[in-house]
């Protein structure tokens, strides 16, 4: 009996010691020394998942993207540098156009571009929580989640203005709701930093709905902007969406006939009208010159550079991304 009591006493003391040790270990951790962050590579140490998402995103490729290099004349057009290698948005000021940076341009739109705070705002990094223990000293900044932060770059082509003029703000749907969703729809898992958009085919397909019918002897087509919270296409004026048609069963580039282009022209294209499809709007068209009694295919192709697709001599199958295709029969 005495032996059993002794064993129980030892077990109790051991458990008590383990509990006290665990309790001591769960106390406040020593704060790391603050660091000056000069590259997004430093963020990888603590934020591996976020860094991996960003590294595969278009934000990380804004400097090296071959299409950007071509359209900017290898950045001889220096206005393009502002948004493709910007200084921190909080440094230039929310609501202001960003300014170009001189260093580490190869990192494009990086962690520092969106998160670094100036000394006037306490330094450290903008976040959705306050914590003085990490080296980056995260500090709550409501503007980090605001469309105005995105507008510093993405409103150069009026995308944020398009959103403001739509009914999406009234529905409580902002930039982050579509382009930085919560991982697995769980706020506790943080936001996805892949920044899915114009390079993400499923999102492009979901943005618009293509419909067609034969009515009153005419082939009628409609394209509706159903899911984009801004015009379609948007952001880069190099982007375009084209509707083509051909008689069912025909093939080859010559079989396609151009029907309509959706695009916003550059400033120097004074003879080109804007044909963007506004949020929630529908473009109705009638297909001309269809051989009587023919069934036709209508297709929507998407281009990130319209100069690579001449509507007069098109080859959309080879040069563009097919988003939707329907058939209309008389």
Protein backbone atom coordinates (compact mmCIF):
# COMPACT_ATOMS: atom_id res chain seq x y z
CA UNK A 1 0.00 0.00 0.00
CA UNK A 2 2.82 2.36 0.92
CA UNK A 3 4.55 1.50 -2.37
CA UNK A 4 1.38 2.36 -4.32
CA UNK A 5 1.07 5.69 -2.50
CA UNK A 6 4.69 6.51 -3.27
CA UNK A 7 4.19 5.75 -6.96
CA UNK A 8 1.04 7.88 -7.10
CA UNK A 9 2.87 10.72 -5.37
CA UNK A 10 5.73 10.57 -7.87
CA UNK A 11 3.29 10.52 -10.81
CA UNK A 12 1.38 13.48 -9.37
CA UNK A 13 4.57 15.47 -8.85
CA UNK A 14 5.72 14.62 -12.38
CA UNK A 15 2.43 15.77 -13.88
CA UNK A 16 2.50 18.95 -11.80
CA UNK A 17 6.05 19.67 -12.97
CA UNK A 18 5.09 19.09 -16.61
CA UNK A 19 2.07 21.41 -16.23
CA UNK A 20 4.15 24.20 -14.67
CA UNK A 21 6.77 23.84 -17.41
CA UNK A 22 4.12 24.01 -20.13
CA UNK A 23 2.50 26.99 -18.45
CA UNK A 24 5.81 28.82 -18.31
CA UNK A 25 6.45 28.02 -21.97
CA UNK A 26 3.09 29.49 -23.01
CA UNK A 27 3.89 32.89 -21.57
CA UNK A 28 4.74 36.00 -23.57
CA UNK A 29 7.53 35.44 -26.07
CA UNK A 30 10.46 37.77 -26.31
CA UNK A 31 10.04 40.27 -29.10
CA UNK A 32 12.36 39.92 -32.06
CA UNK A 33 14.52 42.89 -32.88
CA UNK A 34 12.89 45.10 -35.54
CA UNK A 35 14.41 44.72 -39.00
CA UNK A 36 14.71 46.97 -42.01
CA UNK A 37 13.13 45.04 -44.89
CA UNK A 38 14.79 45.76 -48.22
CA UNK A 39 13.55 42.75 -50.21
CA UNK A 40 10.48 40.55 -50.29
CA UNK A 41 12.82 37.57 -50.10
CA UNK A 42 13.10 38.34 -46.38
CA UNK A 43 9.36 37.78 -45.96
CA UNK A 44 9.70 34.14 -47.03
CA UNK A 45 11.21 33.23 -43.63
CA UNK A 46 7.94 33.68 -41.74
CA UNK A 47 5.34 33.70 -44.50
CA UNK A 48 6.27 30.74 -46.71
CA UNK A 49 2.76 30.05 -48.03
CA UNK A 50 1.99 33.69 -48.82
CA UNK A 51 5.39 34.11 -50.45
CA UNK A 52 4.86 31.03 -52.64
CA UNK A 53 1.47 32.34 -53.77
CA UNK A 54 2.91 35.76 -54.58
CA UNK A 55 5.95 34.27 -56.34
CA UNK A 56 3.65 32.49 -58.79
CA UNK A 57 1.41 35.51 -59.31
CA UNK A 58 1.36 38.13 -62.05
CA UNK A 59 2.35 40.73 -59.45
CA UNK A 60 5.73 39.00 -59.16
CA UNK A 61 6.10 39.01 -62.96
CA UNK A 62 5.24 42.63 -63.73
CA UNK A 63 8.86 43.45 -64.55
CA UNK A 64 9.83 40.36 -66.54
CA UNK A 65 6.57 39.61 -68.38
CA UNK A 66 7.50 39.38 -72.10
CA UNK A 67 4.25 41.04 -73.20
CA UNK A 68 4.89 43.95 -70.85
CA UNK A 69 8.43 44.28 -72.13
CA UNK A 70 7.17 44.42 -75.70
CA UNK A 71 4.32 46.86 -75.10
CA UNK A 72 6.51 49.20 -73.02
CA UNK A 73 9.38 49.03 -75.54
CA UNK A 74 11.45 47.33 -72.86
CA UNK A 75 10.39 50.07 -70.43
CA UNK A 76 11.66 52.85 -72.67
CA UNK A 77 8.16 54.12 -71.95
CA UNK A 78 9.09 55.06 -68.41
CA UNK A 79 5.49 55.76 -67.35
CA UNK A 80 5.04 51.98 -67.20
CA UNK A 81 7.74 51.62 -64.52
CA UNK A 82 5.57 53.36 -61.94
CA UNK A 83 3.16 50.45 -61.64
CA UNK A 84 5.48 47.62 -62.65
CA UNK A 85 8.13 48.41 -60.01
CA UNK A 86 6.41 50.78 -57.57
CA UNK A 87 7.58 52.29 -54.32
CA UNK A 88 5.43 51.28 -51.33
CA UNK A 89 1.87 52.56 -51.77
CA UNK A 90 1.70 53.72 -48.14
CA UNK A 91 4.87 55.76 -48.68
CA UNK A 92 3.58 57.64 -51.73
CA UNK A 93 0.18 57.90 -50.04
CA UNK A 94 -3.18 56.16 -50.36
CA UNK A 95 -5.14 57.84 -53.14
CA UNK A 96 -2.01 58.96 -54.98
CA UNK A 97 -0.47 57.50 -58.10
CA UNK A 98 2.53 55.34 -57.25
CA UNK A 99 6.08 56.40 -58.08
CA UNK A 100 8.82 54.19 -59.54
CA UNK A 101 11.60 52.76 -57.43
CA UNK A 102 15.20 52.38 -58.52
CA UNK A 103 16.15 49.20 -56.68
CA UNK A 104 15.13 45.48 -57.02
CA UNK A 105 12.81 46.16 -59.93
CA UNK A 106 12.97 42.50 -60.84
CA UNK A 107 10.69 41.80 -57.84
CA UNK A 108 7.86 43.70 -59.54
CA UNK A 109 4.84 44.43 -57.33
CA UNK A 110 6.09 42.72 -54.21
CA UNK A 111 5.31 42.38 -50.50
CA UNK A 112 7.00 45.68 -49.69
CA UNK A 113 5.02 47.53 -52.39
CA UNK A 114 1.77 46.89 -50.57
CA UNK A 115 2.77 46.41 -46.93
CA UNK A 116 5.71 48.64 -45.97
CA UNK A 117 4.79 51.65 -43.84
CA UNK A 118 6.66 54.97 -43.64
CA UNK A 119 7.97 56.27 -40.32
CA UNK A 120 5.07 58.73 -40.22
CA UNK A 121 2.73 55.74 -39.79
CA UNK A 122 4.97 54.02 -37.25
CA UNK A 123 7.14 52.00 -39.63
CA UNK A 124 6.90 48.24 -39.85
CA UNK A 125 4.35 46.55 -42.09
CA UNK A 126 0.66 47.17 -42.72
CA UNK A 127 -1.46 44.26 -41.53
CA UNK A 128 -4.90 43.28 -40.29
CA UNK A 129 -3.62 42.84 -36.71
CA UNK A 130 -1.20 44.46 -34.27
CA UNK A 131 1.75 42.47 -32.99
CA UNK A 132 4.97 43.98 -31.63
CA UNK A 133 6.86 40.69 -31.34
CA UNK A 134 7.73 39.87 -35.01
CA UNK A 135 10.63 41.65 -36.66
CA UNK A 136 8.29 43.26 -39.22
CA UNK A 137 6.13 44.86 -36.48
CA UNK A 138 2.71 44.39 -38.14
CA UNK A 139 0.29 47.24 -37.54
CA UNK A 140 -3.40 47.44 -38.37
CA UNK A 141 -4.05 49.62 -41.41
CA UNK A 142 -7.62 49.65 -42.69
CA UNK A 143 -6.49 50.98 -46.07
CA UNK A 144 -4.65 47.71 -46.69
CA UNK A 145 -8.01 46.16 -47.63
CA UNK A 146 -9.41 49.16 -49.46
CA UNK A 147 -9.95 49.59 -53.22
CA UNK A 148 -7.99 52.85 -52.89
CA UNK A 149 -4.81 50.86 -52.25
CA UNK A 150 -5.37 48.86 -55.46
CA UNK A 151 -6.27 52.06 -57.30
CA UNK A 152 -2.72 53.39 -56.93
CA UNK A 153 -1.84 51.15 -59.88
CA UNK A 154 -5.05 49.60 -61.19
CA UNK A 155 -6.90 52.86 -61.72
CA UNK A 156 -4.42 54.12 -64.29
CA UNK A 157 -6.78 52.48 -66.78
CA UNK A 158 -9.89 53.37 -64.73
CA UNK A 159 -10.65 49.88 -63.41
CA UNK A 160 -11.49 51.10 -59.89
CA UNK A 161 -13.61 53.92 -61.32
CA UNK A 162 -15.51 51.29 -63.34
CA UNK A 163 -16.12 49.36 -60.13
CA UNK A 164 -17.34 52.48 -58.33
CA UNK A 165 -19.84 53.19 -61.12
CA UNK A 166 -21.26 49.66 -60.95
CA UNK A 167 -23.69 48.18 -58.40
CA UNK A 168 -20.95 46.04 -56.85
CA UNK A 169 -20.04 48.50 -54.06
CA UNK A 170 -23.68 48.51 -52.96
CA UNK A 171 -23.53 44.72 -52.79
CA UNK A 172 -20.47 44.92 -50.54
CA UNK A 173 -18.22 43.35 -53.18
CA UNK A 174 -14.81 44.99 -53.51
CA UNK A 175 -11.49 44.09 -55.16
CA UNK A 176 -10.52 41.56 -52.49
CA UNK A 177 -13.85 39.74 -52.70
CA UNK A 178 -12.92 38.44 -56.15
CA UNK A 179 -9.15 38.76 -56.48
CA UNK A 180 -7.98 37.89 -52.94
CA UNK A 181 -10.56 35.50 -51.54
CA UNK A 182 -10.07 33.85 -48.17
CA UNK A 183 -8.36 30.50 -48.50
CA UNK A 184 -11.06 27.79 -48.39
CA UNK A 185 -13.54 30.61 -47.61
CA UNK A 186 -12.13 30.68 -44.07
CA UNK A 187 -11.08 34.12 -42.72
CA UNK A 188 -8.82 32.37 -40.21
CA UNK A 189 -6.67 31.07 -43.08
CA UNK A 190 -5.97 34.52 -44.50
CA UNK A 191 -6.28 35.77 -48.06
CA UNK A 192 -5.00 34.11 -51.20
CA UNK A 193 -2.05 36.09 -52.59
CA UNK A 194 -2.16 34.67 -56.13
CA UNK A 195 -4.19 37.74 -57.20
CA UNK A 196 -6.22 35.80 -59.77
CA UNK A 197 -7.48 37.94 -62.62
CA UNK A 198 -6.95 38.43 -66.34
CA UNK A 199 -4.43 35.59 -66.56
CA UNK A 200 -6.75 33.09 -64.85
CA UNK A 201 -8.90 31.35 -67.46
CA UNK A 202 -11.70 30.12 -65.12
CA UNK A 203 -12.23 33.66 -63.82
CA UNK A 204 -12.34 35.05 -67.37
CA UNK A 205 -14.94 32.46 -68.37
CA UNK A 206 -17.09 33.20 -65.34
CA UNK A 207 -17.02 36.95 -66.02
CA UNK A 208 -19.27 36.87 -69.09
CA UNK A 209 -22.11 34.80 -70.54
CA UNK A 210 -22.50 34.23 -74.28
CA UNK A 211 -25.99 33.54 -75.65
CA UNK A 212 -27.44 33.16 -79.13
CA UNK A 213 -30.73 32.46 -80.92
CA UNK A 214 -32.37 32.47 -84.34
CA UNK A 215 -35.30 34.86 -84.31
CA UNK A 216 -37.27 36.58 -87.06
CA UNK A 217 -34.96 35.23 -89.72
CA UNK A 218 -31.87 36.68 -88.00
CA UNK A 219 -28.96 35.22 -86.03
CA UNK A 220 -28.82 37.13 -82.76
CA UNK A 221 -25.99 37.13 -80.23
CA UNK A 222 -25.69 38.56 -76.72
CA UNK A 223 -22.68 38.87 -74.43
CA UNK A 224 -23.47 39.84 -70.83
CA UNK A 225 -21.00 40.94 -68.17
CA UNK A 226 -22.37 38.85 -65.31
CA UNK A 227 -19.51 38.47 -62.82
CA UNK A 228 -16.85 41.14 -63.36
CA UNK A 229 -17.16 44.01 -60.90
CA UNK A 230 -15.80 46.31 -63.61
CA UNK A 231 -15.75 46.50 -67.40
CA UNK A 232 -14.79 43.53 -69.55
CA UNK A 233 -11.97 43.45 -70.46
CA UNK A 234 -10.26 45.93 -68.17
CA UNK A 235 -7.04 47.26 -66.66
CA UNK A 236 -4.57 46.97 -69.53
CA UNK A 237 -5.63 48.66 -72.76
CA UNK A 238 -3.65 46.00 -74.60
CA UNK A 239 -6.35 43.48 -73.71
CA UNK A 240 -9.26 42.72 -76.01
CA UNK A 241 -12.12 40.25 -76.37
CA UNK A 242 -13.34 39.39 -79.87
CA UNK A 243 -16.52 37.72 -81.11
CA UNK A 244 -16.14 35.62 -84.26
CA UNK A 245 -18.57 33.46 -86.21
CA UNK A 246 -18.30 30.75 -88.86
CA UNK A 247 -20.59 28.30 -90.58
CA UNK A 248 -20.73 25.07 -88.58
CA UNK A 249 -18.44 22.41 -89.97
CA UNK A 250 -15.96 24.78 -91.61
CA UNK A 251 -12.41 25.02 -90.34
CA UNK A 252 -9.28 27.11 -90.74
CA UNK A 253 -8.48 30.75 -90.17
CA UNK A 254 -10.32 31.89 -93.30
CA UNK A 255 -13.57 30.37 -92.04
CA UNK A 256 -13.82 32.83 -89.16
CA UNK A 257 -15.60 36.17 -89.62
CA UNK A 258 -15.04 38.98 -87.13
CA UNK A 259 -18.20 40.26 -85.47
CA UNK A 260 -17.21 42.62 -82.63
CA UNK A 261 -14.27 43.73 -80.48
CA UNK A 262 -14.46 44.75 -76.81
CA UNK A 263 -11.57 47.06 -75.92
CA UNK A 264 -10.55 50.46 -74.55
CA UNK A 265 -8.08 52.31 -76.81
CA UNK A 266 -4.86 54.01 -75.81
CA UNK A 267 -4.70 57.82 -75.75
CA UNK A 268 -2.92 57.98 -79.09
CA UNK A 269 -5.59 55.85 -80.80
CA UNK A 270 -7.81 58.83 -81.46
CA UNK A 271 -9.73 57.05 -84.24
CA UNK A 272 -10.70 54.09 -82.02
CA UNK A 273 -13.79 54.14 -79.80
CA UNK A 274 -14.04 52.44 -76.42
CA UNK A 275 -16.20 49.33 -76.67
CA UNK A 276 -15.78 47.97 -73.14
CA UNK A 277 -18.64 45.88 -71.80
CA UNK A 278 -19.63 47.63 -68.57
CA UNK A 279 -20.41 45.71 -65.39
CA UNK A 280 -23.88 44.20 -65.53
CA UNK A 281 -24.49 45.29 -69.14
CA UNK A 282 -25.30 43.26 -72.26
CA UNK A 283 -24.07 43.81 -75.82
CA UNK A 284 -26.65 42.65 -78.37
CA UNK A 285 -25.54 41.96 -81.95
CA UNK A 286 -26.91 40.53 -85.17
CA UNK A 287 -24.70 38.32 -87.33
CA UNK A 288 -24.66 39.61 -90.94
CA UNK A 289 -24.34 37.79 -94.27
CA UNK A 290 -25.00 34.27 -93.02
CA UNK A 291 -25.77 31.87 -95.92
CA UNK A 292 -29.51 31.06 -95.75
CA UNK A 293 -30.36 27.95 -93.78
CA UNK A 294 -26.88 27.60 -92.25
CA UNK A 295 -26.07 26.65 -88.69
CA UNK A 296 -23.31 28.85 -87.29
CA UNK A 297 -20.82 28.77 -84.45
CA UNK A 298 -20.16 31.93 -82.45
CA UNK A 299 -17.02 32.13 -80.29
CA UNK A 300 -15.55 34.60 -77.83
CA UNK A 301 -11.75 34.84 -77.89
CA UNK A 302 -9.61 36.73 -75.40
CA UNK A 303 -6.35 38.47 -76.22
CA UNK A 304 -3.89 40.15 -73.87
CA UNK A 305 -2.40 42.05 -76.80
CA UNK A 306 -4.82 43.01 -79.60
CA UNK A 307 -1.98 43.86 -81.92
CA UNK A 308 -1.33 40.15 -82.29
CA UNK A 309 -4.78 39.53 -83.81
CA UNK A 310 -5.85 41.39 -86.94
CA UNK A 311 -9.66 41.21 -87.32
CA UNK A 312 -9.22 41.52 -91.10
CA UNK A 313 -6.94 38.46 -91.27
CA UNK A 314 -7.65 36.56 -88.05
CA UNK A 315 -6.45 33.22 -86.82
CA UNK A 316 -8.05 33.19 -83.37
CA UNK A 317 -7.69 29.43 -82.92
CA UNK A 318 -3.91 29.80 -83.01
CA UNK A 319 -3.45 33.24 -81.45
CA UNK A 320 -6.14 33.72 -78.81
CA UNK A 321 -7.74 32.05 -75.81
CA UNK A 322 -11.18 30.55 -76.44
CA UNK A 323 -13.56 31.49 -73.62
CA UNK A 324 -17.00 30.52 -74.93
CA UNK A 325 -18.46 28.89 -78.03
CA UNK A 326 -22.12 28.32 -78.95
CA UNK A 327 -24.09 27.12 -81.97
CA UNK A 328 -27.13 28.82 -83.49
CA UNK A 329 -29.44 26.88 -85.81
CA UNK A 330 -32.29 28.29 -87.89
